[in-house]
Structure formats: structure tokens, C-alpha cells
Amino acid sequence: YPFCTIDPNKGVIPVRDSRLKTIQQYVHTLRVIPAAVDIWDIAGLV
């Protein structure tokens, strides 16, 4: 998965899904690419 840290407070996190591995057992491919969610570490609050 093309994971990246956008900056020190942002990242792209894959959604772990066992069905992807199951599919690849029967449809042999070069890559497995999961869905993803952008996660932000929001600035602290007072």
C-alpha cells in the first residue's frame, strides 16, 4: 500500500480487511491494495 506520512501530523492508514487475502488466494495478482483513511493528529486543545 502506498503509505505515506503527509506531514508529521497526518498519515494514510490502510483498512485491514481479511477478504483481500482471501481473494488473492484464488485470483493471483501482483499487488493487494486496501482501502484507506487519512488520519490527522489534531493540534492540542486548551
ModelCIF file with pLDDT and N, C-alpha, C, O atoms, coordinates in Angstrom:
data_MODEL
#
_entry.id   MODEL 
#
_entity.id                         1 
_entity.type                       polymer 
_entity.pdbx_number_of_molecules   1 
#
_entity_poly.entity_id                      1 
_entity_poly.type                           'polypeptide(L)' 
_entity_poly.nstd_linkage                   no 
_entity_poly.nstd_monomer                   no 
_entity_poly.pdbx_seq_one_letter_code       YPFCTIDPNKGVIPVRDSRLKTIQQYVHTLRVIPAAVDIWDIAGLV 
_entity_poly.pdbx_seq_one_letter_code_can   YPFCTIDPNKGVIPVRDSRLKTIQQYVHTLRVIPAAVDIWDIAGLV 
_entity_poly.pdbx_strand_id                 A 
#
loop_
_entity_poly_seq.entity_id 
_entity_poly_seq.num 
_entity_poly_seq.mon_id 
_entity_poly_seq.hetero 
1 1  TYR n 
1 2  PRO n 
1 3  PHE n 
1 4  CYS n 
1 5  THR n 
1 6  ILE n 
1 7  ASP n 
1 8  PRO n 
1 9  ASN n 
1 10 LYS n 
1 11 GLY n 
1 12 VAL n 
1 13 ILE n 
1 14 PRO n 
1 15 VAL n 
1 16 ARG n 
1 17 ASP n 
1 18 SER n 
1 19 ARG n 
1 20 LEU n 
1 21 LYS n 
1 22 THR n 
1 23 ILE n 
1 24 GLN n 
1 25 GLN n 
1 26 TYR n 
1 27 VAL n 
1 28 HIS n 
1 29 THR n 
1 30 LEU n 
1 31 ARG n 
1 32 VAL n 
1 33 ILE n 
1 34 PRO n 
1 35 ALA n 
1 36 ALA n 
1 37 VAL n 
1 38 ASP n 
1 39 ILE n 
1 40 TRP n 
1 41 ASP n 
1 42 ILE n 
1 43 ALA n 
1 44 GLY n 
1 45 LEU n 
1 46 VAL n 
#
_struct_asym.id          A 
_struct_asym.entity_id   1 
#
loop_
_ma_qa_metric.id 
_ma_qa_metric.mode 
_ma_qa_metric.name 
_ma_qa_metric.software_group_id 
_ma_qa_metric.type 
1 global pLDDT . pLDDT 
2 local  pLDDT . pLDDT 
#
_ma_qa_metric_global.metric_id      1 
_ma_qa_metric_global.metric_value   81.00 
_ma_qa_metric_global.model_id       1 
_ma_qa_metric_global.ordinal_id     1 
#
loop_
_ma_qa_metric_local.label_asym_id 
_ma_qa_metric_local.label_comp_id 
_ma_qa_metric_local.label_seq_id 
_ma_qa_metric_local.metric_id 
_ma_qa_metric_local.metric_value 
_ma_qa_metric_local.model_id 
_ma_qa_metric_local.ordinal_id 
A TYR 1  2 40.00 1 1  
A PRO 2  2 38.00 1 2  
A PHE 3  2 39.00 1 3  
A CYS 4  2 40.00 1 4  
A THR 5  2 40.00 1 5  
A ILE 6  2 43.00 1 6  
A ASP 7  2 50.00 1 7  
A PRO 8  2 51.00 1 8  
A ASN 9  2 84.00 1 9  
A LYS 10 2 87.00 1 10 
A GLY 11 2 89.00 1 11 
A VAL 12 2 90.00 1 12 
A ILE 13 2 90.00 1 13 
A PRO 14 2 91.00 1 14 
A VAL 15 2 91.00 1 15 
A ARG 16 2 89.00 1 16 
A ASP 17 2 93.00 1 17 
A SER 18 2 92.00 1 18 
A ARG 19 2 96.00 1 19 
A LEU 20 2 96.00 1 20 
A LYS 21 2 94.00 1 21 
A THR 22 2 96.00 1 22 
A ILE 23 2 97.00 1 23 
A GLN 24 2 94.00 1 24 
A GLN 25 2 94.00 1 25 
A TYR 26 2 95.00 1 26 
A VAL 27 2 94.00 1 27 
A HIS 28 2 88.00 1 28 
A THR 29 2 88.00 1 29 
A LEU 30 2 89.00 1 30 
A ARG 31 2 93.00 1 31 
A VAL 32 2 94.00 1 32 
A ILE 33 2 95.00 1 33 
A PRO 34 2 95.00 1 34 
A ALA 35 2 94.00 1 35 
A ALA 36 2 92.00 1 36 
A VAL 37 2 92.00 1 37 
A ASP 38 2 92.00 1 38 
A ILE 39 2 92.00 1 39 
A TRP 40 2 92.00 1 40 
A ASP 41 2 91.00 1 41 
A ILE 42 2 87.00 1 42 
A ALA 43 2 72.00 1 43 
A GLY 44 2 65.00 1 44 
A LEU 45 2 64.00 1 45 
A VAL 46 2 58.00 1 46 
#
loop_
_atom_site.group_PDB 
_atom_site.id 
_atom_site.type_symbol 
_atom_site.label_atom_id 
_atom_site.label_alt_id 
_atom_site.label_comp_id 
_atom_site.label_asym_id 
_atom_site.label_entity_id 
_atom_site.label_seq_id 
_atom_site.pdbx_PDB_ins_code 
_atom_site.Cartn_x 
_atom_site.Cartn_y 
_atom_site.Cartn_z 
_atom_site.occupancy 
_atom_site.B_iso_or_equiv 
_atom_site.pdbx_formal_charge 
_atom_site.auth_seq_id 
_atom_site.auth_comp_id 
_atom_site.auth_asym_id 
_atom_site.auth_atom_id 
_atom_site.pdbx_PDB_model_num 
ATOM 1   N N  . TYR A 1 1  ? 0.846   -1.188  0.000   1.00 40.00 ? 1  TYR A N  1 
ATOM 2   C CA . TYR A 1 1  ? 0.000   0.000   0.000   1.00 40.00 ? 1  TYR A CA 1 
ATOM 3   C C  . TYR A 1 1  ? 0.881   1.237   0.000   1.00 40.00 ? 1  TYR A C  1 
ATOM 4   O O  . TYR A 1 1  ? 1.854   1.294   0.752   1.00 40.00 ? 1  TYR A O  1 
ATOM 5   N N  . PRO A 1 2  ? 0.566   2.228   -0.823  1.00 38.00 ? 2  PRO A N  1 
ATOM 6   C CA . PRO A 1 2  ? 1.409   3.425   -0.892  1.00 38.00 ? 2  PRO A CA 1 
ATOM 7   C C  . PRO A 1 2  ? 1.228   4.304   0.339   1.00 38.00 ? 2  PRO A C  1 
ATOM 8   O O  . PRO A 1 2  ? 0.751   5.435   0.248   1.00 38.00 ? 2  PRO A O  1 
ATOM 9   N N  . PHE A 1 3  ? 1.618   3.762   1.498   1.00 39.00 ? 3  PHE A N  1 
ATOM 10  C CA . PHE A 1 3  ? 1.523   4.519   2.750   1.00 39.00 ? 3  PHE A CA 1 
ATOM 11  C C  . PHE A 1 3  ? 2.401   5.754   2.684   1.00 39.00 ? 3  PHE A C  1 
ATOM 12  O O  . PHE A 1 3  ? 3.488   5.735   2.106   1.00 39.00 ? 3  PHE A O  1 
ATOM 13  N N  . CYS A 1 4  ? 1.920   6.805   3.273   1.00 40.00 ? 4  CYS A N  1 
ATOM 14  C CA . CYS A 1 4  ? 2.767   7.978   3.375   1.00 40.00 ? 4  CYS A CA 1 
ATOM 15  C C  . CYS A 1 4  ? 2.372   8.790   4.590   1.00 40.00 ? 4  CYS A C  1 
ATOM 16  O O  . CYS A 1 4  ? 1.218   8.773   5.020   1.00 40.00 ? 4  CYS A O  1 
ATOM 17  N N  . THR A 1 5  ? 3.337   9.496   5.134   1.00 40.00 ? 5  THR A N  1 
ATOM 18  C CA . THR A 1 5  ? 3.054   10.490  6.146   1.00 40.00 ? 5  THR A CA 1 
ATOM 19  C C  . THR A 1 5  ? 3.020   11.832  5.426   1.00 40.00 ? 5  THR A C  1 
ATOM 20  O O  . THR A 1 5  ? 4.042   12.304  4.928   1.00 40.00 ? 5  THR A O  1 
ATOM 21  N N  . ILE A 1 6  ? 1.843   12.442  5.375   1.00 43.00 ? 6  ILE A N  1 
ATOM 22  C CA . ILE A 1 6  ? 1.679   13.681  4.617   1.00 43.00 ? 6  ILE A CA 1 
ATOM 23  C C  . ILE A 1 6  ? 2.532   14.785  5.227   1.00 43.00 ? 6  ILE A C  1 
ATOM 24  O O  . ILE A 1 6  ? 3.201   15.526  4.508   1.00 43.00 ? 6  ILE A O  1 
ATOM 25  N N  . ASP A 1 7  ? 2.510   14.892  6.526   1.00 50.00 ? 7  ASP A N  1 
ATOM 26  C CA . ASP A 1 7  ? 3.437   15.735  7.273   1.00 50.00 ? 7  ASP A CA 1 
ATOM 27  C C  . ASP A 1 7  ? 3.482   15.109  8.662   1.00 50.00 ? 7  ASP A C  1 
ATOM 28  O O  . ASP A 1 7  ? 2.821   14.095  8.882   1.00 50.00 ? 7  ASP A O  1 
ATOM 29  N N  . PRO A 1 8  ? 4.234   15.670  9.609   1.00 51.00 ? 8  PRO A N  1 
ATOM 30  C CA . PRO A 1 8  ? 4.351   14.992  10.903  1.00 51.00 ? 8  PRO A CA 1 
ATOM 31  C C  . PRO A 1 8  ? 3.038   14.693  11.605  1.00 51.00 ? 8  PRO A C  1 
ATOM 32  O O  . PRO A 1 8  ? 2.997   13.844  12.496  1.00 51.00 ? 8  PRO A O  1 
ATOM 33  N N  . ASN A 1 9  ? 1.962   15.373  11.220  1.00 84.00 ? 9  ASN A N  1 
ATOM 34  C CA . ASN A 1 9  ? 0.688   15.181  11.900  1.00 84.00 ? 9  ASN A CA 1 
ATOM 35  C C  . ASN A 1 9  ? -0.397  14.557  11.031  1.00 84.00 ? 9  ASN A C  1 
ATOM 36  O O  . ASN A 1 9  ? -1.567  14.554  11.415  1.00 84.00 ? 9  ASN A O  1 
ATOM 37  N N  . LYS A 1 10 ? -0.030  14.034  9.879   1.00 87.00 ? 10 LYS A N  1 
ATOM 38  C CA . LYS A 1 10 ? -1.029  13.423  9.002   1.00 87.00 ? 10 LYS A CA 1 
ATOM 39  C C  . LYS A 1 10 ? -0.477  12.135  8.421   1.00 87.00 ? 10 LYS A C  1 
ATOM 40  O O  . LYS A 1 10 ? 0.703   12.055  8.082   1.00 87.00 ? 10 LYS A O  1 
ATOM 41  N N  . GLY A 1 11 ? -1.328  11.128  8.307   1.00 89.00 ? 11 GLY A N  1 
ATOM 42  C CA . GLY A 1 11 ? -0.907  9.866   7.722   1.00 89.00 ? 11 GLY A CA 1 
ATOM 43  C C  . GLY A 1 11 ? -2.052  9.184   7.006   1.00 89.00 ? 11 GLY A C  1 
ATOM 44  O O  . GLY A 1 11 ? -3.218  9.483   7.263   1.00 89.00 ? 11 GLY A O  1 
ATOM 45  N N  . VAL A 1 12 ? -1.726  8.270   6.112   1.00 90.00 ? 12 VAL A N  1 
ATOM 46  C CA . VAL A 1 12 ? -2.718  7.482   5.386   1.00 90.00 ? 12 VAL A CA 1 
ATOM 47  C C  . VAL A 1 12 ? -2.664  6.063   5.939   1.00 90.00 ? 12 VAL A C  1 
ATOM 48  O O  . VAL A 1 12 ? -1.636  5.393   5.838   1.00 90.00 ? 12 VAL A O  1 
ATOM 49  N N  . ILE A 1 13 ? -3.767  5.605   6.523   1.00 90.00 ? 13 ILE A N  1 
ATOM 50  C CA . ILE A 1 13 ? -3.785  4.348   7.253   1.00 90.00 ? 13 ILE A CA 1 
ATOM 51  C C  . ILE A 1 13 ? -4.644  3.320   6.512   1.00 90.00 ? 13 ILE A C  1 
ATOM 52  O O  . ILE A 1 13 ? -5.812  3.592   6.234   1.00 90.00 ? 13 ILE A O  1 
ATOM 53  N N  . PRO A 1 14 ? -4.088  2.137   6.184   1.00 91.00 ? 14 PRO A N  1 
ATOM 54  C CA . PRO A 1 14 ? -4.877  1.114   5.499   1.00 91.00 ? 14 PRO A CA 1 
ATOM 55  C C  . PRO A 1 14 ? -5.960  0.519   6.394   1.00 91.00 ? 14 PRO A C  1 
ATOM 56  O O  . PRO A 1 14 ? -5.780  0.391   7.605   1.00 91.00 ? 14 PRO A O  1 
ATOM 57  N N  . VAL A 1 15 ? -7.083  0.158   5.783   1.00 91.00 ? 15 VAL A N  1 
ATOM 58  C CA . VAL A 1 15 ? -8.169  -0.527  6.474   1.00 91.00 ? 15 VAL A CA 1 
ATOM 59  C C  . VAL A 1 15 ? -7.941  -2.024  6.319   1.00 91.00 ? 15 VAL A C  1 
ATOM 60  O O  . VAL A 1 15 ? -8.107  -2.574  5.231   1.00 91.00 ? 15 VAL A O  1 
ATOM 61  N N  . ARG A 1 16 ? -7.560  -2.680  7.410   1.00 89.00 ? 16 ARG A N  1 
ATOM 62  C CA . ARG A 1 16 ? -7.266  -4.117  7.353   1.00 89.00 ? 16 ARG A CA 1 
ATOM 63  C C  . ARG A 1 16 ? -8.533  -4.903  7.012   1.00 89.00 ? 16 ARG A C  1 
ATOM 64  O O  . ARG A 1 16 ? -9.551  -4.772  7.692   1.00 89.00 ? 16 ARG A O  1 
ATOM 65  N N  . ASP A 1 17 ? -8.467  -5.711  5.969   1.00 93.00 ? 17 ASP A N  1 
ATOM 66  C CA . ASP A 1 17 ? -9.638  -6.465  5.516   1.00 93.00 ? 17 ASP A CA 1 
ATOM 67  C C  . ASP A 1 17 ? -9.175  -7.834  5.045   1.00 93.00 ? 17 ASP A C  1 
ATOM 68  O O  . ASP A 1 17 ? -8.531  -7.958  4.003   1.00 93.00 ? 17 ASP A O  1 
ATOM 69  N N  . SER A 1 18 ? -9.507  -8.859  5.817   1.00 92.00 ? 18 SER A N  1 
ATOM 70  C CA . SER A 1 18 ? -9.031  -10.218 5.521   1.00 92.00 ? 18 SER A CA 1 
ATOM 71  C C  . SER A 1 18 ? -9.565  -10.744 4.193   1.00 92.00 ? 18 SER A C  1 
ATOM 72  O O  . SER A 1 18 ? -9.011  -11.691 3.635   1.00 92.00 ? 18 SER A O  1 
ATOM 73  N N  . ARG A 1 19 ? -10.641 -10.136 3.681   1.00 96.00 ? 19 ARG A N  1 
ATOM 74  C CA . ARG A 1 19 ? -11.211 -10.613 2.418   1.00 96.00 ? 19 ARG A CA 1 
ATOM 75  C C  . ARG A 1 19 ? -10.263 -10.395 1.247   1.00 96.00 ? 19 ARG A C  1 
ATOM 76  O O  . ARG A 1 19 ? -10.322 -11.122 0.255   1.00 96.00 ? 19 ARG A O  1 
ATOM 77  N N  . LEU A 1 20 ? -9.387  -9.394  1.357   1.00 96.00 ? 20 LEU A N  1 
ATOM 78  C CA . LEU A 1 20 ? -8.414  -9.149  0.289   1.00 96.00 ? 20 LEU A CA 1 
ATOM 79  C C  . LEU A 1 20 ? -7.464  -10.330 0.128   1.00 96.00 ? 20 LEU A C  1 
ATOM 80  O O  . LEU A 1 20 ? -7.182  -10.757 -0.991  1.00 96.00 ? 20 LEU A O  1 
ATOM 81  N N  . LYS A 1 21 ? -6.971  -10.858 1.251   1.00 94.00 ? 21 LYS A N  1 
ATOM 82  C CA . LYS A 1 21 ? -6.075  -12.021 1.192   1.00 94.00 ? 21 LYS A CA 1 
ATOM 83  C C  . LYS A 1 21 ? -6.805  -13.245 0.663   1.00 94.00 ? 21 LYS A C  1 
ATOM 84  O O  . LYS A 1 21 ? -6.236  -14.058 -0.066  1.00 94.00 ? 21 LYS A O  1 
ATOM 85  N N  . THR A 1 22 ? -8.072  -13.366 1.039   1.00 96.00 ? 22 THR A N  1 
ATOM 86  C CA . THR A 1 22 ? -8.866  -14.499 0.550   1.00 96.00 ? 22 THR A CA 1 
ATOM 87  C C  . THR A 1 22 ? -8.996  -14.441 -0.966  1.00 96.00 ? 22 THR A C  1 
ATOM 88  O O  . THR A 1 22 ? -8.828  -15.452 -1.647  1.00 96.00 ? 22 THR A O  1 
ATOM 89  N N  . ILE A 1 23 ? -9.296  -13.253 -1.496  1.00 97.00 ? 23 ILE A N  1 
ATOM 90  C CA . ILE A 1 23 ? -9.420  -13.097 -2.946  1.00 97.00 ? 23 ILE A CA 1 
ATOM 91  C C  . ILE A 1 23 ? -8.106  -13.451 -3.635  1.00 97.00 ? 23 ILE A C  1 
ATOM 92  O O  . ILE A 1 23 ? -8.110  -14.127 -4.664  1.00 97.00 ? 23 ILE A O  1 
ATOM 93  N N  . GLN A 1 24 ? -6.982  -13.002 -3.078  1.00 94.00 ? 24 GLN A N  1 
ATOM 94  C CA . GLN A 1 24 ? -5.699  -13.241 -3.730  1.00 94.00 ? 24 GLN A CA 1 
ATOM 95  C C  . GLN A 1 24 ? -5.303  -14.710 -3.732  1.00 94.00 ? 24 GLN A C  1 
ATOM 96  O O  . GLN A 1 24 ? -4.478  -15.127 -4.545  1.00 94.00 ? 24 GLN A O  1 
ATOM 97  N N  . GLN A 1 25 ? -5.875  -15.489 -2.843  1.00 94.00 ? 25 GLN A N  1 
ATOM 98  C CA . GLN A 1 25 ? -5.606  -16.922 -2.854  1.00 94.00 ? 25 GLN A CA 1 
ATOM 99  C C  . GLN A 1 25 ? -6.110  -17.576 -4.144  1.00 94.00 ? 25 GLN A C  1 
ATOM 100 O O  . GLN A 1 25 ? -5.582  -18.598 -4.581  1.00 94.00 ? 25 GLN A O  1 
ATOM 101 N N  . TYR A 1 26 ? -7.130  -16.976 -4.739  1.00 95.00 ? 26 TYR A N  1 
ATOM 102 C CA . TYR A 1 26 ? -7.757  -17.566 -5.931  1.00 95.00 ? 26 TYR A CA 1 
ATOM 103 C C  . TYR A 1 26 ? -7.524  -16.745 -7.193  1.00 95.00 ? 26 TYR A C  1 
ATOM 104 O O  . TYR A 1 26 ? -7.538  -17.287 -8.298  1.00 95.00 ? 26 TYR A O  1 
ATOM 105 N N  . VAL A 1 27 ? -7.310  -15.444 -7.035  1.00 94.00 ? 27 VAL A N  1 
ATOM 106 C CA . VAL A 1 27 ? -7.004  -14.575 -8.174  1.00 94.00 ? 27 VAL A CA 1 
ATOM 107 C C  . VAL A 1 27 ? -5.612  -14.011 -7.933  1.00 94.00 ? 27 VAL A C  1 
ATOM 108 O O  . VAL A 1 27 ? -5.459  -12.993 -7.257  1.00 94.00 ? 27 VAL A O  1 
ATOM 109 N N  . HIS A 1 28 ? -4.606  -14.666 -8.479  1.00 88.00 ? 28 HIS A N  1 
ATOM 110 C CA . HIS A 1 28 ? -3.222  -14.316 -8.175  1.00 88.00 ? 28 HIS A CA 1 
ATOM 111 C C  . HIS A 1 28 ? -2.825  -13.032 -8.907  1.00 88.00 ? 28 HIS A C  1 
ATOM 112 O O  . HIS A 1 28 ? -2.851  -12.962 -10.136 1.00 88.00 ? 28 HIS A O  1 
ATOM 113 N N  . THR A 1 29 ? -2.459  -12.027 -8.122  1.00 88.00 ? 29 THR A N  1 
ATOM 114 C CA . THR A 1 29 ? -2.128  -10.726 -8.691  1.00 88.00 ? 29 THR A CA 1 
ATOM 115 C C  . THR A 1 29 ? -0.806  -10.226 -8.112  1.00 88.00 ? 29 THR A C  1 
ATOM 116 O O  . THR A 1 29 ? -0.269  -10.803 -7.166  1.00 88.00 ? 29 THR A O  1 
ATOM 117 N N  . LEU A 1 30 ? -0.297  -9.152  -8.691  1.00 89.00 ? 30 LEU A N  1 
ATOM 118 C CA . LEU A 1 30 ? 0.983   -8.609  -8.258  1.00 89.00 ? 30 LEU A CA 1 
ATOM 119 C C  . LEU A 1 30 ? 0.858   -7.828  -6.950  1.00 89.00 ? 30 LEU A C  1 
ATOM 120 O O  . LEU A 1 30 ? 1.773   -7.843  -6.127  1.00 89.00 ? 30 LEU A O  1 
ATOM 121 N N  . ARG A 1 31 ? -0.287  -7.138  -6.756  1.00 93.00 ? 31 ARG A N  1 
ATOM 122 C CA . ARG A 1 31 ? -0.434  -6.247  -5.612  1.00 93.00 ? 31 ARG A CA 1 
ATOM 123 C C  . ARG A 1 31 ? -1.781  -6.441  -4.928  1.00 93.00 ? 31 ARG A C  1 
ATOM 124 O O  . ARG A 1 31 ? -2.765  -6.858  -5.539  1.00 93.00 ? 31 ARG A O  1 
ATOM 125 N N  . VAL A 1 32 ? -1.786  -6.124  -3.642  1.00 94.00 ? 32 VAL A N  1 
ATOM 126 C CA . VAL A 1 32 ? -3.032  -6.056  -2.880  1.00 94.00 ? 32 VAL A CA 1 
ATOM 127 C C  . VAL A 1 32 ? -3.116  -4.646  -2.303  1.00 94.00 ? 32 VAL A C  1 
ATOM 128 O O  . VAL A 1 32 ? -2.243  -4.221  -1.546  1.00 94.00 ? 32 VAL A O  1 
ATOM 129 N N  . ILE A 1 33 ? -4.173  -3.928  -2.667  1.00 95.00 ? 33 ILE A N  1 
ATOM 130 C CA . ILE A 1 33 ? -4.304  -2.539  -2.220  1.00 95.00 ? 33 ILE A CA 1 
ATOM 131 C C  . ILE A 1 33 ? -5.582  -2.389  -1.390  1.00 95.00 ? 33 ILE A C  1 
ATOM 132 O O  . ILE A 1 33 ? -6.689  -2.471  -1.924  1.00 95.00 ? 33 ILE A O  1 
ATOM 133 N N  . PRO A 1 34 ? -5.422  -2.169  -0.090  1.00 95.00 ? 34 PRO A N  1 
ATOM 134 C CA . PRO A 1 34 ? -6.615  -1.999  0.756   1.00 95.00 ? 34 PRO A CA 1 
ATOM 135 C C  . PRO A 1 34 ? -7.200  -0.597  0.645   1.00 95.00 ? 34 PRO A C  1 
ATOM 136 O O  . PRO A 1 34 ? -6.590  0.302   0.065   1.00 95.00 ? 34 PRO A O  1 
ATOM 137 N N  . ALA A 1 35 ? -8.375  -0.430  1.201   1.00 94.00 ? 35 ALA A N  1 
ATOM 138 C CA . ALA A 1 35 ? -8.932  0.913   1.362   1.00 94.00 ? 35 ALA A CA 1 
ATOM 139 C C  . ALA A 1 35 ? -8.103  1.647   2.405   1.00 94.00 ? 35 ALA A C  1 
ATOM 140 O O  . ALA A 1 35 ? -7.284  1.037   3.093   1.00 94.00 ? 35 ALA A O  1 
ATOM 141 N N  . ALA A 1 36 ? -8.309  2.951   2.525   1.00 92.00 ? 36 ALA A N  1 
ATOM 142 C CA . ALA A 1 36 ? -7.510  3.731   3.457   1.00 92.00 ? 36 ALA A CA 1 
ATOM 143 C C  . ALA A 1 36 ? -8.302  4.902   4.014   1.00 92.00 ? 36 ALA A C  1 
ATOM 144 O O  . ALA A 1 36 ? -9.287  5.349   3.427   1.00 92.00 ? 36 ALA A O  1 
ATOM 145 N N  . VAL A 1 37 ? -7.847  5.385   5.158   1.00 92.00 ? 37 VAL A N  1 
ATOM 146 C CA . VAL A 1 37 ? -8.421  6.569   5.792   1.00 92.00 ? 37 VAL A CA 1 
ATOM 147 C C  . VAL A 1 37 ? -7.282  7.527   6.125   1.00 92.00 ? 37 VAL A C  1 
ATOM 148 O O  . VAL A 1 37 ? -6.254  7.106   6.655   1.00 92.00 ? 37 VAL A O  1 
ATOM 149 N N  . ASP A 1 38 ? -7.455  8.800   5.822   1.00 92.00 ? 38 ASP A N  1 
ATOM 150 C CA . ASP A 1 38 ? -6.486  9.817   6.242   1.00 92.00 ? 38 ASP A CA 1 
ATOM 151 C C  . ASP A 1 38 ? -6.720  10.127  7.720   1.00 92.00 ? 38 ASP A C  1 
ATOM 152 O O  . ASP A 1 38 ? -7.840  10.427  8.134   1.00 92.00 ? 38 ASP A O  1 
ATOM 153 N N  . ILE A 1 39 ? -5.652  10.049  8.504   1.00 92.00 ? 39 ILE A N  1 
ATOM 154 C CA . ILE A 1 39 ? -5.753  10.339  9.935   1.00 92.00 ? 39 ILE A CA 1 
ATOM 155 C C  . ILE A 1 39 ? -4.916  11.572  10.251  1.00 92.00 ? 39 ILE A C  1 
ATOM 156 O O  . ILE A 1 39 ? -3.754  11.665  9.855   1.00 92.00 ? 39 ILE A O  1 
ATOM 157 N N  . TRP A 1 40 ? -5.516  12.514  10.967  1.00 92.00 ? 40 TRP A N  1 
ATOM 158 C CA . TRP A 1 40 ? -4.830  13.733  11.398  1.00 92.00 ? 40 TRP A CA 1 
ATOM 159 C C  . TRP A 1 40 ? -4.657  13.707  12.907  1.00 92.00 ? 40 TRP A C  1 
ATOM 160 O O  . TRP A 1 40 ? -5.591  13.380  13.639  1.00 92.00 ? 40 TRP A O  1 
ATOM 161 N N  . ASP A 1 41 ? -3.472  14.049  13.366  1.00 91.00 ? 41 ASP A N  1 
ATOM 162 C CA . ASP A 1 41 ? -3.250  14.276  14.784  1.00 91.00 ? 41 ASP A CA 1 
ATOM 163 C C  . ASP A 1 41 ? -3.501  15.762  15.020  1.00 91.00 ? 41 ASP A C  1 
ATOM 164 O O  . ASP A 1 41 ? -2.620  16.596  14.812  1.00 91.00 ? 41 ASP A O  1 
ATOM 165 N N  . ILE A 1 42 ? -4.717  16.076  15.459  1.00 87.00 ? 42 ILE A N  1 
ATOM 166 C CA . ILE A 1 42 ? -5.143  17.470  15.576  1.00 87.00 ? 42 ILE A CA 1 
ATOM 167 C C  . ILE A 1 42 ? -4.370  18.190  16.694  1.00 87.00 ? 42 ILE A C  1 
ATOM 168 O O  . ILE A 1 42 ? -4.078  17.611  17.740  1.00 87.00 ? 42 ILE A O  1 
ATOM 169 N N  . ALA A 1 43 ? -4.053  19.448  16.445  1.00 72.00 ? 43 ALA A N  1 
ATOM 170 C CA . ALA A 1 43 ? -3.334  20.253  17.438  1.00 72.00 ? 43 ALA A CA 1 
ATOM 171 C C  . ALA A 1 43 ? -4.021  20.183  18.794  1.00 72.00 ? 43 ALA A C  1 
ATOM 172 O O  . ALA A 1 43 ? -5.247  20.115  18.876  1.00 72.00 ? 43 ALA A O  1 
ATOM 173 N N  . GLY A 1 44 ? -3.212  20.202  19.870  1.00 65.00 ? 44 GLY A N  1 
ATOM 174 C CA . GLY A 1 44 ? -3.750  20.093  21.217  1.00 65.00 ? 44 GLY A CA 1 
ATOM 175 C C  . GLY A 1 44 ? -4.728  21.213  21.552  1.00 65.00 ? 44 GLY A C  1 
ATOM 176 O O  . GLY A 1 44 ? -4.661  22.310  20.997  1.00 65.00 ? 44 GLY A O  1 
ATOM 177 N N  . LEU A 1 45 ? -5.634  20.910  22.471  1.00 64.00 ? 45 LEU A N  1 
ATOM 178 C CA . LEU A 1 45 ? -6.673  21.868  22.830  1.00 64.00 ? 45 LEU A CA 1 
ATOM 179 C C  . LEU A 1 45 ? -6.538  22.297  24.278  1.00 64.00 ? 45 LEU A C  1 
ATOM 180 O O  . LEU A 1 45 ? -6.180  21.501  25.147  1.00 64.00 ? 45 LEU A O  1 
ATOM 181 N N  . VAL A 1 46 ? -6.827  23.555  24.524  1.00 58.00 ? 46 VAL A N  1 
ATOM 182 C CA . VAL A 1 46 ? -6.933  24.070  25.890  1.00 58.00 ? 46 VAL A CA 1 
ATOM 183 C C  . VAL A 1 46 ? -8.266  24.779  26.025  1.00 58.00 ? 46 VAL A C  1 
ATOM 184 O O  . VAL A 1 46 ? -8.583  25.298  27.095  1.00 58.00 ? 46 VAL A O  1 
#
